[in-house]
């Protein structure tokens, strides 16, 4: 293996984490892996990243678990009649690699295991994705604290949404994390528009 690997986690669900992961993976020509997909209507996040990143099909890796119901993975697995085995969640041996979690850092995989616990076992740096709207300071700082309490290194924080300089700088300062950049909300959201926005807002050297 050569090159880095990162975990992309979020402060909540539906905040633009998958869009950011697609942009990052595409910009670095990395592999993309989402270990657990809960909810497959519309194809799931792997298909969305494939459509937005511009990566070849071989770089979009299959999930360890692909669950039917769009809810917490531990409950989605129960409804599908299976138990998530942590030993199946070892990161693939390819680099560079972007790994996307599900929802926030404390989403449960089982009643005893949270995503943040798995991140700590992997020993990979995390990128926290946060929205810029109301409530983001609290959600972001709680996420940063939860990761640090488990010994997860944080590469930095990436924002998604309209500019909010005060909230973004406050989170970076109090949380003691690097502000990596901010993706605007794109309409239409196309591969070209996403690649352009990422290139304008982020520096690739921050991810080396």
Protein backbone atom coordinates (compact mmCIF):
# COMPACT_ATOMS: atom_id res chain seq x y z
CA UNK A 1 0.00 0.00 0.00
CA UNK A 2 1.09 3.54 -0.62
CA UNK A 3 -0.58 6.84 0.13
CA UNK A 4 -2.88 8.00 2.88
CA UNK A 5 -6.33 6.99 4.06
CA UNK A 6 -8.95 9.08 5.82
CA UNK A 7 -12.26 8.63 7.57
CA UNK A 8 -14.98 11.11 6.59
CA UNK A 9 -17.51 11.48 9.38
CA UNK A 10 -20.23 14.01 10.04
CA UNK A 11 -21.90 15.99 12.78
CA UNK A 12 -25.31 14.69 11.70
CA UNK A 13 -27.07 13.02 8.79
CA UNK A 14 -27.99 14.75 5.53
CA UNK A 15 -25.36 17.46 5.87
CA UNK A 16 -23.40 16.90 2.65
CA UNK A 17 -20.90 14.30 3.90
CA UNK A 18 -21.31 12.06 0.86
CA UNK A 19 -20.94 14.99 -1.53
CA UNK A 20 -17.73 16.04 0.23
CA UNK A 21 -16.42 12.45 0.18
CA UNK A 22 -17.12 12.26 -3.56
CA UNK A 23 -15.30 15.54 -4.16
CA UNK A 24 -12.29 14.51 -2.06
CA UNK A 25 -12.02 11.06 -3.60
CA UNK A 26 -12.35 12.48 -7.10
CA UNK A 27 -9.77 15.22 -6.53
CA UNK A 28 -7.22 12.73 -5.21
CA UNK A 29 -8.16 9.89 -7.57
CA UNK A 30 -8.60 7.80 -4.44
CA UNK A 31 -10.62 4.68 -3.72
CA UNK A 32 -13.94 5.14 -1.92
CA UNK A 33 -15.42 2.76 0.64
CA UNK A 34 -18.53 2.99 2.78
CA UNK A 35 -18.39 0.00 5.13
CA UNK A 36 -22.11 -0.01 5.98
CA UNK A 37 -24.92 1.29 3.79
CA UNK A 38 -28.30 1.49 5.52
CA UNK A 39 -31.01 2.21 2.96
CA UNK A 40 -30.63 1.27 -0.68
CA UNK A 41 -33.44 3.16 -2.40
CA UNK A 42 -31.86 5.09 -5.24
CA UNK A 43 -28.74 2.95 -5.05
CA UNK A 44 -27.13 4.27 -1.87
CA UNK A 45 -24.10 6.48 -1.29
CA UNK A 46 -21.69 4.29 -3.25
CA UNK A 47 -23.72 4.93 -6.39
CA UNK A 48 -23.93 8.64 -5.65
CA UNK A 49 -20.18 8.88 -5.22
CA UNK A 50 -19.68 6.94 -8.46
CA UNK A 51 -21.89 9.45 -10.27
CA UNK A 52 -20.31 12.59 -8.76
CA UNK A 53 -16.63 11.76 -8.34
CA UNK A 54 -15.62 10.91 -11.90
CA UNK A 55 -13.71 7.91 -10.56
CA UNK A 56 -13.41 4.66 -12.51
CA UNK A 57 -15.72 1.88 -11.37
CA UNK A 58 -12.80 -0.07 -9.89
CA UNK A 59 -12.20 2.73 -7.37
CA UNK A 60 -15.71 2.48 -5.90
CA UNK A 61 -15.46 -0.43 -3.49
CA UNK A 62 -18.38 -2.60 -2.34
CA UNK A 63 -19.74 -2.22 1.16
CA UNK A 64 -19.14 -4.80 3.86
CA UNK A 65 -22.87 -4.56 4.65
CA UNK A 66 -25.66 -3.29 2.42
CA UNK A 67 -28.81 -3.01 4.53
CA UNK A 68 -32.34 -2.34 3.36
CA UNK A 69 -33.82 0.17 5.81
CA UNK A 70 -32.66 3.82 5.97
CA UNK A 71 -32.09 4.01 9.73
CA UNK A 72 -29.31 3.43 12.25
CA UNK A 73 -27.15 0.51 11.05
CA UNK A 74 -27.71 -1.52 14.21
CA UNK A 75 -31.48 -1.36 13.68
CA UNK A 76 -31.28 -1.80 9.92
CA UNK A 77 -29.22 -4.96 10.49
CA UNK A 78 -31.75 -6.26 13.01
CA UNK A 79 -34.58 -5.75 10.54
CA UNK A 80 -32.61 -7.60 7.88
CA UNK A 81 -32.03 -10.45 10.32
CA UNK A 82 -28.26 -10.15 10.46
CA UNK A 83 -25.63 -9.09 13.00
CA UNK A 84 -22.82 -6.75 12.02
CA UNK A 85 -19.48 -8.47 12.61
CA UNK A 86 -16.75 -5.91 13.44
CA UNK A 87 -14.09 -8.19 11.94
CA UNK A 88 -15.61 -7.55 8.51
CA UNK A 89 -15.06 -3.81 8.86
CA UNK A 90 -11.29 -3.74 8.34
CA UNK A 91 -10.38 -1.10 5.73
CA UNK A 92 -9.50 -2.44 2.28
CA UNK A 93 -5.78 -2.67 1.54
CA UNK A 94 -5.77 0.04 -1.15
CA UNK A 95 -4.46 3.60 -1.03
CA UNK A 96 -5.29 6.40 -1.23
CA UNK A 97 -8.61 5.58 0.42
CA UNK A 98 -11.58 7.69 1.50
CA UNK A 99 -13.82 5.89 4.01
CA UNK A 100 -17.26 7.33 4.69
CA UNK A 101 -19.10 6.62 7.91
CA UNK A 102 -22.87 6.67 8.31
CA UNK A 103 -24.53 9.77 9.78
CA UNK A 104 -22.62 11.10 12.78
CA UNK A 105 -19.60 9.75 14.62
CA UNK A 106 -21.66 8.15 17.40
CA UNK A 107 -24.04 6.22 15.16
CA UNK A 108 -24.27 2.64 16.52
CA UNK A 109 -23.24 -0.37 14.47
CA UNK A 110 -24.39 -2.66 17.27
CA UNK A 111 -25.72 -2.01 20.76
CA UNK A 112 -22.11 -2.19 21.98
CA UNK A 113 -20.16 -0.59 19.11
CA UNK A 114 -20.26 2.93 17.69
CA UNK A 115 -18.68 4.16 14.47
CA UNK A 116 -16.24 6.28 16.51
CA UNK A 117 -15.06 3.11 18.28
CA UNK A 118 -14.27 1.54 14.90
CA UNK A 119 -12.47 4.69 13.75
CA UNK A 120 -10.26 4.43 16.84
CA UNK A 121 -9.43 0.80 16.06
CA UNK A 122 -8.41 1.73 12.51
CA UNK A 123 -5.99 4.42 13.68
CA UNK A 124 -6.79 6.62 10.68
CA UNK A 125 -7.23 10.41 10.76
CA UNK A 126 -10.79 11.70 10.58
CA UNK A 127 -12.20 14.59 8.61
CA UNK A 128 -15.29 16.06 10.28
CA UNK A 129 -17.91 17.39 7.88
CA UNK A 130 -20.27 20.00 9.33
CA UNK A 131 -23.04 22.17 7.97
CA UNK A 132 -22.84 25.92 8.44
CA UNK A 133 -26.40 26.53 9.69
CA UNK A 134 -27.84 27.10 13.14
CA UNK A 135 -26.68 24.56 15.73
CA UNK A 136 -23.47 23.65 13.98
CA UNK A 137 -21.17 24.94 16.74
CA UNK A 138 -22.65 22.60 19.34
CA UNK A 139 -22.85 19.60 17.01
CA UNK A 140 -19.34 20.13 15.70
CA UNK A 141 -17.71 20.54 19.11
CA UNK A 142 -19.51 17.50 20.48
CA UNK A 143 -18.27 15.44 17.51
CA UNK A 144 -14.70 16.68 17.93
CA UNK A 145 -14.80 15.87 21.65
CA UNK A 146 -16.25 12.40 21.08
CA UNK A 147 -13.53 11.53 18.57
CA UNK A 148 -10.70 12.89 20.70
CA UNK A 149 -11.97 11.04 23.77
CA UNK A 150 -11.44 7.83 21.81
CA UNK A 151 -7.99 8.81 20.57
CA UNK A 152 -9.06 9.49 16.97
CA UNK A 153 -6.76 12.00 15.27
CA UNK A 154 -8.64 14.78 13.47
CA UNK A 155 -7.16 16.06 10.23
CA UNK A 156 -9.53 19.00 10.17
CA UNK A 157 -13.09 20.16 9.63
CA UNK A 158 -14.80 20.72 6.28
CA UNK A 159 -17.95 22.80 6.07
CA UNK A 160 -20.86 22.48 3.65
CA UNK A 161 -23.36 25.24 3.04
CA UNK A 162 -23.61 29.00 2.84
CA UNK A 163 -20.68 30.96 4.31
CA UNK A 164 -20.79 31.58 8.05
CA UNK A 165 -17.37 32.93 8.95
CA UNK A 166 -18.12 33.44 12.64
CA UNK A 167 -19.39 29.92 13.28
CA UNK A 168 -16.65 28.34 11.19
CA UNK A 169 -13.84 30.22 12.94
CA UNK A 170 -15.39 29.65 16.38
CA UNK A 171 -15.53 25.89 15.83
CA UNK A 172 -11.95 25.77 14.56
CA UNK A 173 -10.69 27.86 17.49
CA UNK A 174 -12.56 26.21 20.36
CA UNK A 175 -12.22 22.74 18.88
CA UNK A 176 -8.53 23.19 18.15
CA UNK A 177 -8.93 21.88 14.61
CA UNK A 178 -7.87 23.10 11.20
CA UNK A 179 -10.55 24.56 8.95
CA UNK A 180 -9.98 22.75 5.67
CA UNK A 181 -12.50 24.69 3.57
CA UNK A 182 -16.16 24.98 2.70
CA UNK A 183 -18.20 23.48 -0.13
CA UNK A 184 -21.09 25.69 -1.22
CA UNK A 185 -24.51 24.24 -1.90
CA UNK A 186 -24.53 23.51 -5.63
CA UNK A 187 -27.57 23.66 -7.88
CA UNK A 188 -27.32 21.86 -10.17
CA UNK A 189 -25.00 19.39 -8.48
CA UNK A 190 -22.92 17.94 -11.31
CA UNK A 191 -19.50 16.27 -11.36
CA UNK A 192 -17.96 19.28 -13.09
CA UNK A 193 -19.51 21.80 -10.69
CA UNK A 194 -18.44 19.74 -7.67
CA UNK A 195 -14.86 19.34 -8.88
CA UNK A 196 -14.63 23.06 -9.59
CA UNK A 197 -16.06 24.03 -6.19
CA UNK A 198 -13.73 21.67 -4.35
CA UNK A 199 -10.67 22.97 -6.23
CA UNK A 200 -11.65 26.55 -5.39
CA UNK A 201 -12.28 25.88 -1.69
CA UNK A 202 -9.73 23.26 -0.60
CA UNK A 203 -6.00 22.70 -0.95
CA UNK A 204 -4.92 19.21 -1.97
CA UNK A 205 -1.72 19.52 0.04
CA UNK A 206 -3.83 19.56 3.23
CA UNK A 207 -4.80 15.96 2.49
CA UNK A 208 -1.33 14.58 1.75
